[in-house]
Amino acid sequence: MVLHANFAESYHRLLNRGIAEAFHHTSEKHLSRYLVEFDRRWNTRHESDGNRNVAVLITTMGKRPTRIKTVG
């Protein structure tokens, strides 16, 4: 695979836009989680929304939900 500067710029722009619009604030502690999320978004960008949703649901099958502590 040949990588171009355009590829890196596109990925970086998706990451920055997502953090600014979706998360509004990021912490260094959870940076790896943000990057995993945007890797999934980048790698599935050509799939339909339905296919992406099904893939996410399949990866969660058999896993227990964990409680997320909220601040406030």
PDB file of N, CA and C in Angstrom:
ATOM      1  N   MET A   1       0.837  -1.168   0.000  1.00  0.00           N
ATOM      2  CA  MET A   1       0.000   0.000   0.000  1.00  0.00           C
ATOM      3  C   MET A   1       0.886   1.237   0.000  1.00  0.00           C
ATOM      4  N   VAL A   2       0.550   2.172  -0.807  1.00  0.00           N
ATOM      5  CA  VAL A   2       1.295   3.419  -0.885  1.00  0.00           C
ATOM      6  C   VAL A   2       0.544   4.474  -0.076  1.00  0.00           C
ATOM      7  N   LEU A   3       1.237   5.111   0.845  1.00  0.00           N
ATOM      8  CA  LEU A   3       0.618   6.156   1.657  1.00  0.00           C
ATOM      9  C   LEU A   3       1.071   7.512   1.151  1.00  0.00           C
ATOM     10  N   HIS A   4       0.146   8.411   1.104  1.00  0.00           N
ATOM     11  CA  HIS A   4       0.436   9.765   0.637  1.00  0.00           C
ATOM     12  C   HIS A   4       0.164  10.754   1.767  1.00  0.00           C
ATOM     13  N   ALA A   5       0.655  11.961   1.610  1.00  0.00           N
ATOM     14  CA  ALA A   5       0.404  13.005   2.597  1.00  0.00           C
ATOM     15  C   ALA A   5      -1.092  13.280   2.700  1.00  0.00           C
ATOM     16  N   ASN A   6      -1.814  13.123   1.605  1.00  0.00           N
ATOM     17  CA  ASN A   6      -3.254  13.331   1.610  1.00  0.00           C
ATOM     18  C   ASN A   6      -3.941  12.390   2.594  1.00  0.00           C
ATOM     19  N   PHE A   7      -3.484  11.143   2.649  1.00  0.00           N
ATOM     20  CA  PHE A   7      -4.037  10.150   3.567  1.00  0.00           C
ATOM     21  C   PHE A   7      -3.870  10.633   5.006  1.00  0.00           C
ATOM     22  N   ALA A   8      -2.676  11.028   5.351  1.00  0.00           N
ATOM     23  CA  ALA A   8      -2.399  11.475   6.718  1.00  0.00           C
ATOM     24  C   ALA A   8      -3.206  12.719   7.063  1.00  0.00           C
ATOM     25  N   GLU A   9      -3.326  13.642   6.127  1.00  0.00           N
ATOM     26  CA  GLU A   9      -4.098  14.860   6.365  1.00  0.00           C
ATOM     27  C   GLU A   9      -5.577  14.544   6.555  1.00  0.00           C
ATOM     28  N   SER A  10      -6.110  13.642   5.760  1.00  0.00           N
ATOM     29  CA  SER A  10      -7.521  13.276   5.877  1.00  0.00           C
ATOM     30  C   SER A  10      -7.807  12.620   7.219  1.00  0.00           C
ATOM     31  N   TYR A  11      -6.945  11.697   7.617  1.00  0.00           N
ATOM     32  CA  TYR A  11      -7.131  11.005   8.892  1.00  0.00           C
ATOM     33  C   TYR A  11      -7.037  11.998  10.046  1.00  0.00           C
ATOM     34  N   HIS A  12      -6.042  12.863  10.001  1.00  0.00           N
ATOM     35  CA  HIS A  12      -5.840  13.844  11.063  1.00  0.00           C
ATOM     36  C   HIS A  12      -7.027  14.793  11.150  1.00  0.00           C
ATOM     37  N   ARG A  13      -7.555  15.180  10.012  1.00  0.00           N
ATOM     38  CA  ARG A  13      -8.713  16.084   9.994  1.00  0.00           C
ATOM     39  C   ARG A  13      -9.940  15.401  10.597  1.00  0.00           C
ATOM     40  N   LEU A  14     -10.160  14.127  10.279  1.00  0.00           N
ATOM     41  CA  LEU A  14     -11.273  13.374  10.853  1.00  0.00           C
ATOM     42  C   LEU A  14     -11.130  13.305  12.375  1.00  0.00           C
ATOM     43  N   LEU A  15      -9.940  13.037  12.849  1.00  0.00           N
ATOM     44  CA  LEU A  15      -9.685  12.954  14.283  1.00  0.00           C
ATOM     45  C   LEU A  15      -9.952  14.295  14.969  1.00  0.00           C
ATOM     46  N   ASN A  16      -9.405  15.360  14.429  1.00  0.00           N
ATOM     47  CA  ASN A  16      -9.597  16.680  15.032  1.00  0.00           C
ATOM     48  C   ASN A  16     -11.060  17.102  15.026  1.00  0.00           C
ATOM     49  N   ARG A  17     -11.736  16.881  13.915  1.00  0.00           N
ATOM     50  CA  ARG A  17     -13.148  17.257  13.811  1.00  0.00           C
ATOM     51  C   ARG A  17     -13.984  16.450  14.802  1.00  0.00           C
ATOM     52  N   GLY A  18     -13.690  15.172  14.917  1.00  0.00           N
ATOM     53  CA  GLY A  18     -14.435  14.330  15.839  1.00  0.00           C
ATOM     54  C   GLY A  18     -14.245  14.728  17.285  1.00  0.00           C
ATOM     55  N   ILE A  19     -13.029  15.050  17.654  1.00  0.00           N
ATOM     56  CA  ILE A  19     -12.771  15.453  19.036  1.00  0.00           C
ATOM     57  C   ILE A  19     -13.446  16.779  19.331  1.00  0.00           C
ATOM     58  N   ALA A  20     -13.367  17.715  18.414  1.00  0.00           N
ATOM     59  CA  ALA A  20     -13.974  19.035  18.629  1.00  0.00           C
ATOM     60  C   ALA A  20     -15.496  18.958  18.656  1.00  0.00           C
ATOM     61  N   GLU A  21     -16.087  18.127  17.799  1.00  0.00           N
ATOM     62  CA  GLU A  21     -17.538  18.090  17.685  1.00  0.00           C
ATOM     63  C   GLU A  21     -18.188  17.056  18.598  1.00  0.00           C
ATOM     64  N   ALA A  22     -17.576  15.905  18.779  1.00  0.00           N
ATOM     65  CA  ALA A  22     -18.222  14.832  19.530  1.00  0.00           C
ATOM     66  C   ALA A  22     -17.819  14.824  21.001  1.00  0.00           C
ATOM     67  N   PHE A  23     -16.557  14.999  21.292  1.00  0.00           N
ATOM     68  CA  PHE A  23     -16.085  14.827  22.653  1.00  0.00           C
ATOM     69  C   PHE A  23     -15.861  16.146  23.387  1.00  0.00           C
ATOM     70  N   HIS A  24     -15.547  17.199  22.700  1.00  0.00           N
ATOM     71  CA  HIS A  24     -15.342  18.544  23.240  1.00  0.00           C
ATOM     72  C   HIS A  24     -14.146  18.652  24.185  1.00  0.00           C
ATOM     73  N   HIS A  25     -13.803  17.572  24.839  1.00  0.00           N
ATOM     74  CA  HIS A  25     -12.659  17.567  25.752  1.00  0.00           C
ATOM     75  C   HIS A  25     -12.066  16.164  25.762  1.00  0.00           C
ATOM     76  N   THR A  26     -10.783  16.081  25.754  1.00  0.00           N
ATOM     77  CA  THR A  26     -10.133  14.779  25.815  1.00  0.00           C
ATOM     78  C   THR A  26      -9.098  14.805  26.936  1.00  0.00           C
ATOM     79  N   SER A  27      -8.816  13.640  27.446  1.00  0.00           N
ATOM     80  CA  SER A  27      -7.779  13.541  28.466  1.00  0.00           C
ATOM     81  C   SER A  27      -6.715  12.571  27.975  1.00  0.00           C
ATOM     82  N   GLU A  28      -5.513  12.791  28.436  1.00  0.00           N
ATOM     83  CA  GLU A  28      -4.406  11.915  28.049  1.00  0.00           C
ATOM     84  C   GLU A  28      -4.649  10.484  28.539  1.00  0.00           C
ATOM     85  N   LYS A  29      -5.354  10.363  29.648  1.00  0.00           N
ATOM     86  CA  LYS A  29      -5.645   9.055  30.237  1.00  0.00           C
ATOM     87  C   LYS A  29      -6.444   8.176  29.268  1.00  0.00           C
ATOM     88  N   HIS A  30      -7.364   8.763  28.520  1.00  0.00           N
ATOM     89  CA  HIS A  30      -8.241   8.010  27.632  1.00  0.00           C
ATOM     90  C   HIS A  30      -7.899   8.181  26.154  1.00  0.00           C
ATOM     91  N   LEU A  31      -6.739   8.731  25.855  1.00  0.00           N
ATOM     92  CA  LEU A  31      -6.358   8.992  24.468  1.00  0.00           C
ATOM     93  C   LEU A  31      -6.399   7.731  23.608  1.00  0.00           C
ATOM     94  N   SER A  32      -5.970   6.604  24.146  1.00  0.00           N
ATOM     95  CA  SER A  32      -5.977   5.373  23.355  1.00  0.00           C
ATOM     96  C   SER A  32      -7.398   4.975  22.966  1.00  0.00           C
ATOM     97  N   ARG A  33      -8.379   5.237  23.831  1.00  0.00           N
ATOM     98  CA  ARG A  33      -9.775   4.931  23.500  1.00  0.00           C
ATOM     99  C   ARG A  33     -10.283   5.809  22.361  1.00  0.00           C
ATOM    100  N   TYR A  34      -9.922   7.086  22.385  1.00  0.00           N
ATOM    101  CA  TYR A  34     -10.330   7.977  21.299  1.00  0.00           C
ATOM    102  C   TYR A  34      -9.731   7.505  19.974  1.00  0.00           C
ATOM    103  N   LEU A  35      -8.464   7.126  20.020  1.00  0.00           N
ATOM    104  CA  LEU A  35      -7.801   6.691  18.795  1.00  0.00           C
ATOM    105  C   LEU A  35      -8.399   5.397  18.248  1.00  0.00           C
ATOM    106  N   VAL A  36      -8.774   4.476  19.115  1.00  0.00           N
ATOM    107  CA  VAL A  36      -9.432   3.244  18.665  1.00  0.00           C
ATOM    108  C   VAL A  36     -10.763   3.581  18.003  1.00  0.00           C
ATOM    109  N   GLU A  37     -11.510   4.494  18.603  1.00  0.00           N
ATOM    110  CA  GLU A  37     -12.800   4.912  18.024  1.00  0.00           C
ATOM    111  C   GLU A  37     -12.616   5.494  16.630  1.00  0.00           C
ATOM    112  N   PHE A  38     -11.632   6.362  16.454  1.00  0.00           N
ATOM    113  CA  PHE A  38     -11.443   6.991  15.153  1.00  0.00           C
ATOM    114  C   PHE A  38     -10.794   6.059  14.147  1.00  0.00           C
ATOM    115  N   ASP A  39     -10.038   5.076  14.613  1.00  0.00           N
ATOM    116  CA  ASP A  39      -9.553   4.035  13.700  1.00  0.00           C
ATOM    117  C   ASP A  39     -10.729   3.276  13.109  1.00  0.00           C
ATOM    118  N   ARG A  40     -11.692   2.932  13.961  1.00  0.00           N
ATOM    119  CA  ARG A  40     -12.884   2.225  13.472  1.00  0.00           C
ATOM    120  C   ARG A  40     -13.648   3.097  12.476  1.00  0.00           C
ATOM    121  N   ARG A  41     -13.802   4.375  12.815  1.00  0.00           N
ATOM    122  CA  ARG A  41     -14.515   5.280  11.894  1.00  0.00           C
ATOM    123  C   ARG A  41     -13.802   5.381  10.550  1.00  0.00           C
ATOM    124  N   TRP A  42     -12.472   5.493  10.597  1.00  0.00           N
ATOM    125  CA  TRP A  42     -11.706   5.622   9.358  1.00  0.00           C
ATOM    126  C   TRP A  42     -11.785   4.341   8.524  1.00  0.00           C
ATOM    127  N   ASN A  43     -11.630   3.204   9.178  1.00  0.00           N
ATOM    128  CA  ASN A  43     -11.596   1.938   8.459  1.00  0.00           C
ATOM    129  C   ASN A  43     -12.958   1.510   7.919  1.00  0.00           C
ATOM    130  N   THR A  44     -14.026   2.086   8.446  1.00  0.00           N
ATOM    131  CA  THR A  44     -15.367   1.726   7.976  1.00  0.00           C
ATOM    132  C   THR A  44     -16.054   2.887   7.262  1.00  0.00           C
ATOM    133  N   ARG A  45     -15.298   3.873   6.838  1.00  0.00           N
ATOM    134  CA  ARG A  45     -15.893   5.075   6.245  1.00  0.00           C
ATOM    135  C   ARG A  45     -16.630   4.815   4.932  1.00  0.00           C
ATOM    136  N   HIS A  46     -16.331   3.722   4.236  1.00  0.00           N
ATOM    137  CA  HIS A  46     -16.995   3.426   2.968  1.00  0.00           C
ATOM    138  C   HIS A  46     -18.186   2.487   3.141  1.00  0.00           C
ATOM    139  N   GLU A  47     -18.436   2.030   4.362  1.00  0.00           N
ATOM    140  CA  GLU A  47     -19.559   1.135   4.625  1.00  0.00           C
ATOM    141  C   GLU A  47     -20.817   1.950   4.914  1.00  0.00           C
ATOM    142  N   SER A  48     -21.966   1.330   4.750  1.00  0.00           N
ATOM    143  CA  SER A  48     -23.218   2.016   5.068  1.00  0.00           C
ATOM    144  C   SER A  48     -23.383   2.091   6.586  1.00  0.00           C
ATOM    145  N   ASP A  49     -24.238   2.991   7.034  1.00  0.00           N
ATOM    146  CA  ASP A  49     -24.485   3.136   8.463  1.00  0.00           C
ATOM    147  C   ASP A  49     -25.005   1.830   9.061  1.00  0.00           C
ATOM    148  N   GLY A  50     -25.894   1.171   8.338  1.00  0.00           N
ATOM    149  CA  GLY A  50     -26.451  -0.095   8.821  1.00  0.00           C
ATOM    150  C   GLY A  50     -25.388  -1.155   9.025  1.00  0.00           C
ATOM    151  N   ASN A  51     -24.481  -1.284   8.068  1.00  0.00           N
ATOM    152  CA  ASN A  51     -23.404  -2.277   8.194  1.00  0.00           C
ATOM    153  C   ASN A  51     -22.482  -1.949   9.360  1.00  0.00           C
ATOM    154  N   ARG A  52     -22.200  -0.678   9.556  1.00  0.00           N
ATOM    155  CA  ARG A  52     -21.355  -0.273  10.693  1.00  0.00           C
ATOM    156  C   ARG A  52     -22.037  -0.601  12.013  1.00  0.00           C
ATOM    157  N   ASN A  53     -23.329  -0.320  12.108  1.00  0.00           N
ATOM    158  CA  ASN A  53     -24.061  -0.606  13.345  1.00  0.00           C
ATOM    159  C   ASN A  53     -24.089  -2.095  13.646  1.00  0.00           C
ATOM    160  N   VAL A  54     -24.320  -2.909  12.635  1.00  0.00           N
ATOM    161  CA  VAL A  54     -24.335  -4.359  12.828  1.00  0.00           C
ATOM    162  C   VAL A  54     -22.964  -4.842  13.285  1.00  0.00           C
ATOM    163  N   ALA A  55     -21.908  -4.326  12.696  1.00  0.00           N
ATOM    164  CA  ALA A  55     -20.552  -4.737  13.078  1.00  0.00           C
ATOM    165  C   ALA A  55     -20.262  -4.383  14.535  1.00  0.00           C
ATOM    166  N   VAL A  56     -20.694  -3.213  14.976  1.00  0.00           N
ATOM    167  CA  VAL A  56     -20.476  -2.816  16.374  1.00  0.00           C
ATOM    168  C   VAL A  56     -21.262  -3.731  17.300  1.00  0.00           C
ATOM    169  N   LEU A  57     -22.499  -4.032  16.952  1.00  0.00           N
ATOM    170  CA  LEU A  57     -23.312  -4.909  17.790  1.00  0.00           C
ATOM    171  C   LEU A  57     -22.706  -6.310  17.884  1.00  0.00           C
ATOM    172  N   ILE A  58     -22.174  -6.800  16.787  1.00  0.00           N
ATOM    173  CA  ILE A  58     -21.558  -8.125  16.791  1.00  0.00           C
ATOM    174  C   ILE A  58     -20.349  -8.153  17.726  1.00  0.00           C
ATOM    175  N   THR A  59     -19.566  -7.090  17.746  1.00  0.00           N
ATOM    176  CA  THR A  59     -18.379  -7.071  18.608  1.00  0.00           C
ATOM    177  C   THR A  59     -18.743  -6.983  20.086  1.00  0.00           C
ATOM    178  N   THR A  60     -19.974  -6.573  20.407  1.00  0.00           N
ATOM    179  CA  THR A  60     -20.371  -6.462  21.811  1.00  0.00           C
ATOM    180  C   THR A  60     -21.079  -7.709  22.326  1.00  0.00           C
ATOM    181  N   MET A  61     -21.407  -8.632  21.457  1.00  0.00           N
ATOM    182  CA  MET A  61     -22.127  -9.836  21.885  1.00  0.00           C
ATOM    183  C   MET A  61     -21.275 -10.651  22.861  1.00  0.00           C
ATOM    184  N   GLY A  62     -21.895 -11.057  23.963  1.00  0.00           N
ATOM    185  CA  GLY A  62     -21.204 -11.867  24.955  1.00  0.00           C
ATOM    186  C   GLY A  62     -20.367 -11.068  25.939  1.00  0.00           C
ATOM    187  N   LYS A  63     -20.394  -9.753  25.843  1.00  0.00           N
ATOM    188  CA  LYS A  63     -19.622  -8.917  26.763  1.00  0.00           C
ATOM    189  C   LYS A  63     -20.574  -8.225  27.731  1.00  0.00           C
ATOM    190  N   ARG A  64     -20.139  -8.101  28.954  1.00  0.00           N
ATOM    191  CA  ARG A  64     -20.941  -7.415  29.961  1.00  0.00           C
ATOM    192  C   ARG A  64     -20.749  -5.915  29.860  1.00  0.00           C
ATOM    193  N   PRO A  65     -21.821  -5.152  29.991  1.00  0.00           N
ATOM    194  CA  PRO A  65     -21.656  -3.693  30.021  1.00  0.00           C
ATOM    195  C   PRO A  65     -21.004  -3.281  31.336  1.00  0.00           C
ATOM    196  N   THR A  66     -20.197  -2.263  31.282  1.00  0.00           N
ATOM    197  CA  THR A  66     -19.565  -1.745  32.493  1.00  0.00           C
ATOM    198  C   THR A  66     -20.147  -0.378  32.805  1.00  0.00           C
ATOM    199  N   ARG A  67     -20.139  -0.059  34.041  1.00  0.00           N
ATOM    200  CA  ARG A  67     -20.676   1.230  34.457  1.00  0.00           C
ATOM    201  C   ARG A  67     -19.627   2.312  34.242  1.00  0.00           C
ATOM    202  N   ILE A  68     -20.048   3.392  33.668  1.00  0.00           N
ATOM    203  CA  ILE A  68     -19.155   4.539  33.450  1.00  0.00           C
ATOM    204  C   ILE A  68     -19.481   5.576  34.506  1.00  0.00           C
ATOM    205  N   LYS A  69     -18.490   5.964  35.276  1.00  0.00           N
ATOM    206  CA  LYS A  69     -18.701   6.973  36.307  1.00  0.00           C
ATOM    207  C   LYS A  69     -18.815   8.336  35.660  1.00  0.00           C
ATOM    208  N   THR A  70     -19.788   9.093  36.079  1.00  0.00           N
ATOM    209  CA  THR A  70     -19.965  10.447  35.555  1.00  0.00           C
ATOM    210  C   THR A  70     -19.521  11.457  36.603  1.00  0.00           C
ATOM    211  N   VAL A  71     -19.091  12.581  36.130  1.00  0.00           N
ATOM    212  CA  VAL A  71     -18.650  13.653  37.030  1.00  0.00           C
ATOM    213  C   VAL A  71     -19.844  14.551  37.288  1.00  0.00           C
ATOM    214  N   GLY A  72     -20.049  14.890  38.544  1.00  0.00           N
ATOM    215  CA  GLY A  72     -21.107  15.844  38.803  1.00  0.00           C
ATOM    216  C   GLY A  72     -22.020  15.529  39.864  1.00  0.00           C
TER     217      GLY A  72
END
